[in-house]
Amino acid sequence: MAREAHRAPRGTRDLLPEDLILIRHLERTAHRVARSARYSEIRPPLIEETRLFARSLGETSDVVEKEMFTVPGRGGSDSSYTLRPEGTAGAARAYVQGGFPIRAPFQKWYYLGPMFRYERPQKGRERQFTQFGVEAFGSRDPRLDAEVVDLAVRFFEALGFGSELQVRVNTMGDEEDRGRWREALRAFFAPTLGERCDDCRARFERNVFRLLDCKVAGCRERNQGAPELLGLLGSDSAAHHRAFLSALRALGREPIEDPGIVRGLDYYTRTIFEIHYPPLGSRSALCGGGRYDGLIEEVGGPPTPAVGFAIGFSATELALGELGLPPAADLADLRAELGAEVYCVAITDQEREETLALAGELRRAGLTGVELDFRGKSAKAQFKEAGRLGARFALVLGPEERAEGVVVLRDMAERREERIPRAEAAAALAARLGR
């Protein structure tokens, strides 16, 4: 009786060589865009203490309440550990633990890597997903907010998204502003609270702002006419918002003020934003971010301003597919890496070990994409395989060549051959490949 085949956990997928072409293109684009503004890469661990996320994201956030993969500590420890559901909290913890608030407060960082959320899997949403994030610490300057937004837009522009990209912005104000807004929202929602979903009723006392972020259609309808924070801002927050909008325009970005944007995590203050691409319809939101001036203090550091964004690759891949992007030419070099540059052909079985040694010499000389046959194929089949892999050259070794200490160098495209000394094969290939 055949055993049941194992499958990847629900909400995860294998990234096979062909799939990684697009993923590596996204990663390469992220590195290039981040480094263009002198952001440095960091790599925090995949797991953190659970309490870090409870403190930073908020006990009432969907992430903490419903979406975290958490395991208890061992050996009687009271601690538990969670696979990171997002990157900002870990970056903030690393900033504090590394002593940066004292020795080098201004830091511009970015990260790329897997995140984990226990969500219902659906198209463009997975339980393990790759995220590109940017975090800038140590400055309240609204121009830094604008730089971060501009980086997010430039990432999508570099992938081929057109001029329809939109920068939608709002502000969460400061704590005093939110206090006034909190009371105004409670007064607005209280008369119809019984008509809202269970989550909204539970959040009314704990975090009334979350009602604005509810995805239930009936609740969203009841949000129409809710008080907006912009009209309740203090002078400092209002001045910061105006300067942020001005800085965006200086960078050539025309912001769209959208009071409906309310980020779902507790740590946001002042600037919040989303990048949208309306041609995608209901899935137009590409990324989000904002300022979180209280987070560093929340995770144990001194008061330190910060701003950032996060982009999920799963939704980005889906959007690219719908738009027919990227152009094939943008992936040509990555696709070429799946093929071969040089194929070592053994004419008879007696040359098979010698072709292995020859391939080893070429690789040690720094050549890449060096391949040979391991399945006992005939010489004719080996040449066919070399063509299928897109090899530019074949090095052919038969009884006659082995006896004379030479190899045949065949240009696969031009179908031209020459005999060269075996000892000069690596140098000859390197010269022809421009290495």
Protein backbone atom coordinates (compact mmCIF):
# COMPACT_ATOMS: atom_id res chain seq x y z
CA MET A 1 0.00 0.00 0.00
CA ALA A 2 1.44 3.35 -1.06
CA ARG A 3 2.16 5.85 1.67
CA GLU A 4 0.35 9.17 1.63
CA ALA A 5 2.49 11.87 0.06
CA HIS A 6 3.46 14.77 2.30
CA ARG A 7 2.39 18.28 1.34
CA ALA A 8 3.60 21.73 2.35
CA PRO A 9 1.62 23.24 5.27
CA ARG A 10 -1.53 25.07 4.26
CA GLY A 11 -0.81 28.67 3.37
CA THR A 12 2.82 28.00 2.43
CA ARG A 13 4.46 27.12 -0.88
CA ASP A 14 7.72 25.81 -2.24
CA LEU A 15 9.74 28.40 -4.12
CA LEU A 16 11.18 26.28 -6.91
CA PRO A 17 14.00 27.43 -9.23
CA GLU A 18 11.62 28.87 -11.83
CA ASP A 19 9.57 30.68 -9.13
CA LEU A 20 12.69 32.23 -7.66
CA ILE A 21 13.40 34.14 -10.86
CA LEU A 22 10.67 36.65 -10.02
CA ILE A 23 11.43 36.60 -6.28
CA ARG A 24 15.09 37.36 -6.92
CA HIS A 25 14.06 40.18 -9.27
CA LEU A 26 11.96 41.69 -6.46
CA GLU A 27 14.82 41.26 -3.99
CA ARG A 28 17.33 42.78 -6.38
CA THR A 29 15.04 45.76 -6.98
CA ALA A 30 14.51 46.25 -3.24
CA HIS A 31 18.26 46.20 -2.55
CA ARG A 32 18.94 48.68 -5.33
CA VAL A 33 16.20 51.14 -4.33
CA ALA A 34 17.07 51.03 -0.61
CA ARG A 35 20.78 51.45 -1.20
CA SER A 36 20.16 54.40 -3.53
CA ALA A 37 19.21 56.41 -0.43
CA ARG A 38 21.95 54.84 1.76
CA TYR A 39 19.74 52.49 3.75
CA SER A 40 21.74 49.61 5.24
CA GLU A 41 20.51 46.03 5.40
CA ILE A 42 19.77 44.31 8.73
CA ARG A 43 18.74 40.71 9.42
CA PRO A 44 16.92 40.28 12.76
CA PRO A 45 16.02 36.73 13.89
CA LEU A 46 12.87 35.01 12.68
CA ILE A 47 11.63 34.56 16.27
CA GLU A 48 11.19 37.09 19.05
CA GLU A 49 9.73 37.00 22.54
CA THR A 50 5.94 37.14 22.25
CA ARG A 51 5.73 40.08 24.63
CA LEU A 52 7.64 42.24 22.13
CA PHE A 53 4.75 42.02 19.65
CA ALA A 54 2.09 42.35 22.34
CA ARG A 55 3.70 45.60 23.52
CA SER A 56 4.50 47.07 20.12
CA LEU A 57 1.52 46.03 18.01
CA GLY A 58 -1.11 46.32 20.74
CA GLU A 59 -3.06 43.64 22.57
CA THR A 60 -6.20 44.44 20.55
CA SER A 61 -4.59 44.30 17.10
CA ASP A 62 -5.72 41.51 14.78
CA VAL A 63 -2.12 40.34 14.54
CA VAL A 64 -1.78 39.75 18.28
CA GLU A 65 -5.32 38.51 18.85
CA LYS A 66 -5.63 36.14 15.90
CA GLU A 67 -2.60 35.78 13.65
CA MET A 68 0.58 34.89 15.56
CA PHE A 69 2.40 31.54 15.49
CA THR A 70 3.52 31.20 19.13
CA VAL A 71 5.29 28.40 21.03
CA PRO A 72 5.85 28.20 24.80
CA GLY A 73 9.30 28.39 26.32
CA ARG A 74 10.87 25.14 27.49
CA GLY A 75 12.18 24.01 30.88
CA GLY A 76 9.52 25.77 32.93
CA SER A 77 10.19 29.20 31.38
CA ASP A 78 7.37 31.72 31.54
CA SER A 79 8.46 33.18 28.21
CA SER A 80 6.93 32.26 24.88
CA TYR A 81 8.31 32.88 21.42
CA THR A 82 6.60 33.96 18.23
CA LEU A 83 7.55 33.67 14.57
CA ARG A 84 7.74 37.29 13.51
CA PRO A 85 4.47 38.51 11.95
CA GLU A 86 6.07 41.80 10.83
CA GLY A 87 9.50 43.41 10.82
CA THR A 88 9.23 46.78 12.56
CA ALA A 89 9.08 45.51 16.15
CA GLY A 90 12.21 43.35 15.68
CA ALA A 91 14.06 46.23 14.03
CA ALA A 92 13.15 48.51 16.93
CA ARG A 93 14.30 45.91 19.45
CA ALA A 94 17.60 45.49 17.56
CA TYR A 95 18.08 49.28 17.51
CA VAL A 96 17.70 49.47 21.30
CA GLN A 97 19.68 46.31 22.08
CA GLY A 98 22.50 47.48 19.81
CA GLY A 99 22.89 50.70 21.80
CA PHE A 100 22.12 52.95 18.85
CA PRO A 101 19.98 55.47 20.78
CA ILE A 102 23.16 56.53 22.61
CA ARG A 103 26.04 55.92 20.19
CA ALA A 104 24.47 56.60 16.78
CA PRO A 105 20.80 57.61 17.00
CA PHE A 106 20.22 58.35 13.31
CA GLN A 107 19.97 55.06 11.43
CA LYS A 108 18.39 54.14 8.08
CA TRP A 109 17.82 50.38 7.77
CA TYR A 110 16.01 47.94 5.51
CA TYR A 111 15.30 44.22 5.68
CA LEU A 112 14.11 41.42 3.42
CA GLY A 113 12.85 38.10 4.69
CA PRO A 114 10.02 35.79 5.69
CA MET A 115 7.17 36.77 8.01
CA PHE A 116 4.48 34.48 9.44
CA ARG A 117 0.79 35.07 10.12
CA TYR A 118 -1.97 32.60 10.86
CA GLU A 119 -4.51 33.93 8.39
CA ARG A 120 -7.03 32.24 6.15
CA PRO A 121 -4.99 31.52 3.02
CA GLN A 122 -6.25 33.16 -0.13
CA LYS A 123 -4.92 34.55 -3.36
CA GLY A 124 -2.10 36.97 -2.54
CA ARG A 125 -2.19 36.15 1.21
CA GLU A 126 -0.07 33.38 2.70
CA ARG A 127 0.91 32.19 6.16
CA GLN A 128 4.58 32.52 5.27
CA PHE A 129 5.41 35.48 3.06
CA THR A 130 8.38 37.64 2.16
CA GLN A 131 8.43 41.28 3.20
CA PHE A 132 10.61 44.23 2.22
CA GLY A 133 10.67 46.88 4.93
CA VAL A 134 12.40 50.18 5.57
CA GLU A 135 12.91 51.76 9.02
CA ALA A 136 14.50 55.17 9.68
CA PHE A 137 15.27 56.09 13.31
CA GLY A 138 16.32 59.25 15.08
CA SER A 139 14.67 62.16 13.24
CA ARG A 140 11.30 63.94 13.44
CA ASP A 141 11.96 65.81 10.19
CA PRO A 142 8.88 65.50 7.94
CA ARG A 143 11.26 65.41 4.97
CA LEU A 144 12.34 61.97 6.19
CA ASP A 145 8.71 60.85 6.04
CA ALA A 146 8.65 62.05 2.43
CA GLU A 147 11.88 60.22 1.60
CA VAL A 148 10.45 56.96 2.95
CA VAL A 149 7.27 57.39 0.91
CA ASP A 150 9.32 58.19 -2.19
CA LEU A 151 11.37 54.99 -1.72
CA ALA A 152 8.18 52.92 -1.63
CA VAL A 153 6.89 54.51 -4.82
CA ARG A 154 10.24 54.11 -6.57
CA PHE A 155 10.26 50.39 -5.77
CA PHE A 156 7.04 49.93 -7.72
CA GLU A 157 8.15 52.26 -10.49
CA ALA A 158 11.32 50.18 -10.87
CA LEU A 159 9.11 47.10 -11.30
CA GLY A 160 7.24 48.74 -14.16
CA PHE A 161 4.12 50.20 -12.51
CA GLY A 162 2.93 53.25 -14.39
CA SER A 163 2.01 56.83 -13.59
CA GLU A 164 -1.30 55.73 -12.05
CA LEU A 165 0.54 55.05 -8.75
CA GLN A 166 -1.09 57.01 -5.95
CA VAL A 167 0.29 58.21 -2.61
CA ARG A 168 -2.61 58.32 -0.14
CA VAL A 169 -1.81 59.98 3.16
CA ASN A 170 -3.37 60.71 6.53
CA THR A 171 -2.20 61.55 10.04
CA MET A 172 -2.73 59.82 13.38
CA GLY A 173 -1.63 62.93 15.28
CA ASP A 174 -0.03 62.83 18.72
CA GLU A 175 -1.41 61.30 21.91
CA GLU A 176 -3.30 64.46 22.86
CA ASP A 177 -4.82 64.67 19.39
CA ARG A 178 -5.88 61.04 19.56
CA GLY A 179 -7.40 61.59 23.00
CA ARG A 180 -9.74 64.20 21.55
CA TRP A 181 -10.44 61.99 18.54
CA ARG A 182 -11.06 58.95 20.75
CA GLU A 183 -13.83 60.72 22.66
CA ALA A 184 -15.38 62.06 19.45
CA LEU A 185 -15.42 58.57 17.90
CA ARG A 186 -16.97 57.01 21.01
CA ALA A 187 -19.73 59.55 20.94
CA PHE A 188 -20.31 58.87 17.23
CA PHE A 189 -20.29 55.05 17.44
CA ALA A 190 -22.14 54.54 20.74
CA PRO A 191 -25.72 54.97 19.42
CA THR A 192 -25.29 52.21 16.76
CA LEU A 193 -22.84 49.95 18.58
CA GLY A 194 -25.41 47.17 18.96
CA GLU A 195 -25.77 46.98 15.17
CA ARG A 196 -22.05 46.35 14.59
CA CYS A 197 -20.07 43.08 14.47
CA ASP A 198 -18.75 41.26 17.54
CA ASP A 199 -15.20 42.49 16.96
CA CYS A 200 -16.31 46.13 16.85
CA ARG A 201 -18.31 45.79 20.06
CA ALA A 202 -15.31 44.20 21.80
CA ARG A 203 -12.96 46.91 20.58
CA PHE A 204 -15.16 49.87 21.43
CA GLU A 205 -13.72 50.22 24.93
CA ARG A 206 -10.23 48.80 24.30
CA ASN A 207 -9.35 50.58 21.03
CA VAL A 208 -12.13 52.52 19.36
CA PHE A 209 -9.86 53.43 16.41
CA ARG A 210 -10.03 49.81 15.25
CA LEU A 211 -13.70 50.26 14.38
CA LEU A 212 -12.58 52.47 11.50
CA ASP A 213 -10.48 49.57 10.18
CA CYS A 214 -13.27 46.97 10.24
CA LYS A 215 -13.67 44.99 7.01
CA VAL A 216 -17.35 43.99 7.54
CA ALA A 217 -19.47 45.72 4.90
CA GLY A 218 -22.23 46.82 7.28
CA CYS A 219 -19.72 48.29 9.72
CA ARG A 220 -17.93 50.14 6.95
CA GLU A 221 -21.24 51.72 5.93
CA ARG A 222 -21.81 52.86 9.52
CA ASN A 223 -18.38 54.51 9.49
CA GLN A 224 -19.62 57.09 6.99
CA GLY A 225 -19.58 60.52 8.59
CA ALA A 226 -17.29 59.52 11.47
CA PRO A 227 -15.26 62.42 12.94
CA GLU A 228 -11.93 62.97 11.20
CA LEU A 229 -8.70 63.61 13.09
CA LEU A 230 -7.56 66.38 10.75
CA GLY A 231 -10.07 68.76 12.26
CA LEU A 232 -8.87 67.98 15.80
CA LEU A 233 -5.09 68.24 15.30
CA GLY A 234 -2.95 70.38 17.60
CA SER A 235 -0.65 72.99 16.11
CA ASP A 236 2.51 70.81 16.15
CA SER A 237 0.87 67.85 14.43
CA ALA A 238 -0.82 70.08 11.89
CA ALA A 239 2.48 71.81 11.07
CA HIS A 240 4.23 68.44 10.67
CA HIS A 241 1.52 67.23 8.31
CA ARG A 242 1.69 70.38 6.17
CA ALA A 243 5.49 70.12 5.96
CA PHE A 244 5.23 66.44 5.02
CA LEU A 245 2.84 67.23 2.16
CA SER A 246 5.13 70.02 0.97
CA ALA A 247 8.17 67.70 1.03
CA LEU A 248 6.30 65.08 -1.00
CA ARG A 249 5.51 67.67 -3.65
CA ALA A 250 9.16 68.72 -3.70
CA LEU A 251 9.98 65.11 -4.62
CA GLY A 252 7.43 65.19 -7.45
CA ARG A 253 4.79 63.17 -5.57
CA GLU A 254 1.28 64.61 -5.44
CA PRO A 255 -0.33 63.24 -2.26
CA ILE A 256 -4.01 62.38 -1.95
CA GLU A 257 -5.33 63.09 1.54
CA ASP A 258 -7.46 60.13 2.63
CA PRO A 259 -8.96 60.28 6.15
CA GLY A 260 -10.12 56.67 5.71
CA ILE A 261 -6.56 55.36 6.09
CA VAL A 262 -6.15 54.04 9.64
CA ARG A 263 -3.22 51.69 10.12
CA GLY A 264 -4.21 48.64 12.19
CA LEU A 265 -1.21 48.64 14.54
CA ASP A 266 -1.05 50.67 17.73
CA TYR A 267 2.41 52.13 17.29
CA TYR A 268 1.64 54.65 14.51
CA THR A 269 1.75 58.41 15.20
CA ARG A 270 1.40 61.38 12.88
CA THR A 271 2.19 60.39 9.26
CA ILE A 272 0.51 57.29 7.83
CA PHE A 273 0.32 56.41 4.15
CA GLU A 274 -0.55 53.77 1.57
CA ILE A 275 0.61 53.29 -2.02
CA HIS A 276 -2.22 52.35 -4.39
CA TYR A 277 -2.47 51.38 -8.04
CA PRO A 278 -6.12 51.88 -9.09
CA PRO A 279 -5.90 49.73 -12.28
CA LEU A 280 -5.78 46.72 -9.91
CA GLY A 281 -9.30 47.45 -8.68
CA SER A 282 -10.17 46.12 -5.23
CA ARG A 283 -6.57 44.98 -4.70
CA SER A 284 -5.10 48.41 -5.43
CA ALA A 285 -3.30 48.78 -2.07
CA LEU A 286 0.36 47.83 -2.58
CA CYS A 287 1.98 48.82 0.71
CA GLY A 288 1.56 50.89 3.83
CA GLY A 289 3.59 52.59 6.50
CA GLY A 290 4.01 55.64 8.63
CA ARG A 291 5.64 57.29 11.63
CA TYR A 292 5.91 55.56 15.02
CA ASP A 293 7.59 57.99 17.38
CA GLY A 294 6.61 56.08 20.53
CA LEU A 295 7.73 52.58 19.61
CA ILE A 296 11.39 52.75 20.66
CA GLU A 297 10.35 53.89 24.13
CA GLU A 298 7.74 51.12 24.23
CA VAL A 299 10.39 48.43 23.65
CA GLY A 300 12.74 49.78 26.31
CA GLY A 301 14.68 52.63 24.72
CA PRO A 302 14.61 56.39 25.16
CA PRO A 303 12.07 58.52 23.27
CA THR A 304 13.17 58.21 19.64
CA PRO A 305 11.25 59.20 16.49
CA ALA A 306 11.02 56.70 13.61
CA VAL A 307 9.26 56.14 10.29
CA GLY A 308 9.01 53.23 7.84
CA PHE A 309 7.00 51.01 5.50
CA ALA A 310 6.52 47.35 4.62
CA ILE A 311 5.82 45.71 1.24
CA GLY A 312 4.60 42.13 0.96
CA PHE A 313 5.97 40.19 -1.99
CA SER A 314 2.95 37.86 -2.34
CA ALA A 315 0.56 40.69 -3.19
CA THR A 316 3.23 42.31 -5.36
CA GLU A 317 3.71 39.08 -7.35
CA LEU A 318 -0.06 38.87 -7.87
CA ALA A 319 -0.22 42.48 -9.05
CA LEU A 320 2.68 41.98 -11.46
CA GLY A 321 0.95 38.94 -12.93
CA GLU A 322 -2.26 40.87 -13.51
CA LEU A 323 -0.36 43.68 -15.22
CA GLY A 324 1.83 41.42 -17.37
CA LEU A 325 5.00 42.63 -15.64
CA PRO A 326 7.94 42.61 -15.57
CA PRO A 327 9.08 42.62 -19.23
CA ALA A 328 10.90 39.42 -20.18
CA ALA A 329 14.09 41.40 -20.78
CA ASP A 330 14.20 42.38 -17.08
CA LEU A 331 14.46 38.71 -16.12
CA ALA A 332 16.74 37.52 -18.92
CA ASP A 333 19.91 37.40 -16.83
CA LEU A 334 18.16 35.56 -13.98
CA ARG A 335 16.67 33.02 -16.37
CA ALA A 336 20.09 32.52 -17.91
CA GLU A 337 21.41 31.44 -14.52
CA LEU A 338 19.11 28.40 -14.68
CA GLY A 339 20.84 27.27 -17.85
CA ALA A 340 24.44 26.41 -18.58
CA GLU A 341 27.28 28.42 -20.08
CA VAL A 342 29.57 25.47 -20.68
CA TYR A 343 28.67 21.81 -21.19
CA CYS A 344 31.41 19.16 -20.98
CA VAL A 345 30.66 16.34 -23.43
CA ALA A 346 32.12 12.83 -23.09
CA ILE A 347 32.17 10.96 -26.40
CA THR A 348 32.52 7.49 -24.79
CA ASP A 349 32.19 6.08 -21.29
CA GLN A 350 35.98 6.16 -20.93
CA GLU A 351 35.93 9.99 -20.91
CA ARG A 352 33.22 10.44 -18.28
CA GLU A 353 35.58 10.71 -15.32
CA GLU A 354 37.84 13.00 -17.34
CA THR A 355 34.91 15.36 -18.13
CA LEU A 356 34.14 15.50 -14.39
CA ALA A 357 37.74 16.54 -13.72
CA LEU A 358 37.55 19.07 -16.55
CA ALA A 359 34.33 20.59 -15.14
CA GLY A 360 35.99 20.87 -11.74
CA GLU A 361 38.93 22.75 -13.24
CA LEU A 362 36.60 25.20 -14.99
CA ARG A 363 34.62 25.87 -11.81
CA ARG A 364 37.78 26.41 -9.76
CA ALA A 365 38.89 28.92 -12.39
CA GLY A 366 35.76 30.98 -11.63
CA LEU A 367 33.51 29.94 -14.52
CA THR A 368 29.80 29.52 -13.69
CA GLY A 369 27.07 27.40 -15.19
CA VAL A 370 29.40 24.46 -15.94
CA GLU A 371 27.44 21.25 -16.53
CA LEU A 372 28.01 17.65 -17.63
CA ASP A 373 25.99 14.46 -17.99
CA PHE A 374 25.32 12.17 -15.01
CA ARG A 375 22.74 9.86 -16.63
CA GLY A 376 24.77 7.90 -19.13
CA LYS A 377 23.51 9.78 -22.19
CA SER A 378 25.03 9.28 -25.62
CA ALA A 379 27.21 12.01 -27.11
CA LYS A 380 24.35 13.04 -29.40
CA ALA A 381 21.97 13.31 -26.43
CA GLN A 382 24.56 15.33 -24.49
CA PHE A 383 24.78 17.88 -27.31
CA LYS A 384 20.98 18.06 -27.36
CA GLU A 385 20.93 18.65 -23.60
CA ALA A 386 23.56 21.39 -23.97
CA GLY A 387 21.31 23.12 -26.49
CA ARG A 388 18.25 22.77 -24.26
CA LEU A 389 20.12 24.40 -21.37
CA GLY A 390 21.24 27.27 -23.58
CA ALA A 391 24.96 26.51 -23.23
CA ARG A 392 27.13 28.95 -25.16
CA PHE A 393 30.00 26.51 -25.48
CA ALA A 394 30.61 22.79 -25.34
CA LEU A 395 33.94 21.24 -24.40
CA VAL A 396 34.19 17.89 -26.13
CA LEU A 397 36.48 15.08 -25.00
CA GLY A 398 36.83 11.81 -26.88
CA PRO A 399 39.49 9.06 -27.09
CA GLU A 400 41.49 10.97 -29.70
CA GLU A 401 41.43 14.25 -27.77
CA ARG A 402 42.33 12.50 -24.53
CA ALA A 403 45.33 10.84 -26.18
CA GLU A 404 46.55 14.14 -27.65
CA GLY A 405 45.95 16.24 -24.50
CA VAL A 406 43.48 18.57 -26.20
CA VAL A 407 39.76 19.34 -26.09
CA VAL A 408 37.37 20.51 -28.79
CA LEU A 409 35.82 23.89 -28.03
CA ARG A 410 32.51 24.22 -29.84
CA ASP A 411 30.63 27.53 -30.14
CA MET A 412 27.03 26.29 -29.92
CA ALA A 413 25.48 29.32 -31.61
CA GLU A 414 27.89 29.64 -34.52
CA ARG A 415 28.52 25.87 -34.82
CA ARG A 416 32.24 26.52 -35.02
CA GLU A 417 34.90 24.27 -33.49
CA GLU A 418 38.57 24.52 -32.63
CA ARG A 419 41.01 22.24 -30.88
CA ILE A 420 42.86 23.76 -27.93
CA PRO A 421 45.32 22.34 -25.40
CA ARG A 422 43.50 20.81 -22.44
CA ALA A 423 45.58 22.91 -20.00
CA GLU A 424 44.41 26.13 -21.70
CA ALA A 425 40.66 25.31 -21.71
CA ALA A 426 39.73 27.42 -18.67
CA ALA A 427 41.63 30.49 -19.86
CA ALA A 428 40.23 30.20 -23.39
CA LEU A 429 36.66 29.99 -22.13
CA ALA A 430 37.13 32.84 -19.69
CA ALA A 431 38.40 35.05 -22.52
CA ARG A 432 35.44 34.21 -24.75
CA LEU A 433 32.94 34.78 -21.95
CA GLY A 434 34.52 38.09 -21.01
CA ARG A 435 35.59 37.00 -17.52
